[in-house]
Amino acid sequence: MRELVNHYARDLEEEDLEENLAREISTVKNNQIPLEHYYSACMPEEKFREIYEAYEKWRKENKNSISTI
């Protein structure tokens, strides 16, 4: 998660950004919210969508070696 934040959102200065991002990704996944209908509270929607999509790609590529958030 830290790598995604550093890559996509290094310009954002929010305390607990990684924690908030992980919580929002979990909310989208657990509630099966279509990504285009979710608006992040911790960053601009386009940045959130980029990070979410990168996370999902990474998770699928590494699904045998990770635990989900």
C-alpha atoms as a PDB file:
ATOM      1  CA  MET A   1       0.000   0.000   0.000  1.00  0.00           C
ATOM      2  CA  ARG A   2       2.845   2.353   0.852  1.00  0.00           C
ATOM      3  CA  GLU A   3       4.349   1.915  -2.618  1.00  0.00           C
ATOM      4  CA  LEU A   4       1.029   2.769  -4.272  1.00  0.00           C
ATOM      5  CA  VAL A   5       0.598   5.889  -2.147  1.00  0.00           C
ATOM      6  CA  ASN A   6       4.179   6.975  -2.843  1.00  0.00           C
ATOM      7  CA  HIS A   7       3.738   6.428  -6.563  1.00  0.00           C
ATOM      8  CA  TYR A   8       0.250   7.845  -7.120  1.00  0.00           C
ATOM      9  CA  ALA A   9      -0.350  10.248  -4.247  1.00  0.00           C
ATOM     10  CA  ARG A  10       2.988  11.544  -3.027  1.00  0.00           C
ATOM     11  CA  ASP A  11       1.720  15.103  -3.458  1.00  0.00           C
ATOM     12  CA  LEU A  12      -1.072  14.567  -0.922  1.00  0.00           C
ATOM     13  CA  GLU A  13      -0.264  15.409   2.657  1.00  0.00           C
ATOM     14  CA  GLU A  14      -2.821  13.718   4.829  1.00  0.00           C
ATOM     15  CA  GLU A  15      -2.114  12.100   8.129  1.00  0.00           C
ATOM     16  CA  ASP A  16      -2.911   8.381   8.055  1.00  0.00           C
ATOM     17  CA  LEU A  17      -3.339   8.403   4.265  1.00  0.00           C
ATOM     18  CA  GLU A  18      -2.316   4.748   3.893  1.00  0.00           C
ATOM     19  CA  GLU A  19      -4.712   3.640   6.619  1.00  0.00           C
ATOM     20  CA  ASN A  20      -7.582   5.684   5.186  1.00  0.00           C
ATOM     21  CA  LEU A  21      -6.879   4.431   1.685  1.00  0.00           C
ATOM     22  CA  ALA A  22      -6.851   0.803   2.841  1.00  0.00           C
ATOM     23  CA  ARG A  23     -10.151   1.368   4.640  1.00  0.00           C
ATOM     24  CA  GLU A  24     -11.735   2.899   1.544  1.00  0.00           C
ATOM     25  CA  ILE A  25     -10.491   0.102  -0.717  1.00  0.00           C
ATOM     26  CA  SER A  26     -11.989  -2.390   1.731  1.00  0.00           C
ATOM     27  CA  THR A  27     -15.273  -0.478   1.704  1.00  0.00           C
ATOM     28  CA  VAL A  28     -15.457  -0.613  -2.091  1.00  0.00           C
ATOM     29  CA  LYS A  29     -14.568  -4.304  -2.202  1.00  0.00           C
ATOM     30  CA  ASN A  30     -16.731  -5.488   0.725  1.00  0.00           C
ATOM     31  CA  ASN A  31     -19.803  -3.543  -0.363  1.00  0.00           C
ATOM     32  CA  GLN A  32     -19.221  -4.353  -4.042  1.00  0.00           C
ATOM     33  CA  ILE A  33     -19.507  -0.685  -4.957  1.00  0.00           C
ATOM     34  CA  PRO A  34     -18.800   0.002  -8.628  1.00  0.00           C
ATOM     35  CA  LEU A  35     -15.643   2.085  -8.719  1.00  0.00           C
ATOM     36  CA  GLU A  36     -17.291   4.769 -10.824  1.00  0.00           C
ATOM     37  CA  HIS A  37     -19.883   5.278  -8.062  1.00  0.00           C
ATOM     38  CA  TYR A  38     -17.424   5.677  -5.182  1.00  0.00           C
ATOM     39  CA  TYR A  39     -15.980   9.037  -4.167  1.00  0.00           C
ATOM     40  CA  SER A  40     -12.995   8.968  -1.851  1.00  0.00           C
ATOM     41  CA  ALA A  41     -12.923  11.131   1.243  1.00  0.00           C
ATOM     42  CA  CYS A  42      -9.125  11.122   1.438  1.00  0.00           C
ATOM     43  CA  MET A  43      -8.084  12.041  -2.120  1.00  0.00           C
ATOM     44  CA  PRO A  44      -9.387  13.170  -5.504  1.00  0.00           C
ATOM     45  CA  GLU A  45     -11.578  10.528  -7.115  1.00  0.00           C
ATOM     46  CA  GLU A  46      -9.309  10.023 -10.120  1.00  0.00           C
ATOM     47  CA  LYS A  47      -6.265   9.351  -7.905  1.00  0.00           C
ATOM     48  CA  PHE A  48      -8.275   6.910  -5.798  1.00  0.00           C
ATOM     49  CA  ARG A  49      -9.416   5.052  -8.899  1.00  0.00           C
ATOM     50  CA  GLU A  50      -5.859   4.847 -10.239  1.00  0.00           C
ATOM     51  CA  ILE A  51      -4.606   3.460  -6.942  1.00  0.00           C
ATOM     52  CA  TYR A  52      -7.526   1.046  -6.606  1.00  0.00           C
ATOM     53  CA  GLU A  53      -6.977  -0.309 -10.114  1.00  0.00           C
ATOM     54  CA  ALA A  54      -3.225  -0.632  -9.545  1.00  0.00           C
ATOM     55  CA  TYR A  55      -3.880  -2.413  -6.247  1.00  0.00           C
ATOM     56  CA  GLU A  56      -6.301  -4.848  -7.883  1.00  0.00           C
ATOM     57  CA  LYS A  57      -3.808  -5.556 -10.679  1.00  0.00           C
ATOM     58  CA  TRP A  58      -1.029  -6.134  -8.149  1.00  0.00           C
ATOM     59  CA  ARG A  59      -3.292  -8.336  -6.003  1.00  0.00           C
ATOM     60  CA  LYS A  60      -4.255 -10.538  -8.977  1.00  0.00           C
ATOM     61  CA  GLU A  61      -0.637 -10.883 -10.054  1.00  0.00           C
ATOM     62  CA  ASN A  62       0.438 -11.833  -6.523  1.00  0.00           C
ATOM     63  CA  LYS A  63      -2.630 -13.635  -5.216  1.00  0.00           C
ATOM     64  CA  ASN A  64      -0.689 -16.697  -4.089  1.00  0.00           C
ATOM     65  CA  SER A  65       1.736 -14.724  -1.957  1.00  0.00           C
ATOM     66  CA  ILE A  66      -0.406 -12.078  -0.213  1.00  0.00           C
ATOM     67  CA  SER A  67      -3.144 -11.678   2.284  1.00  0.00           C
ATOM     68  CA  THR A  68      -5.866  -9.229   1.340  1.00  0.00           C
ATOM     69  CA  ILE A  69      -6.611  -6.063   3.252  1.00  0.00           C
END
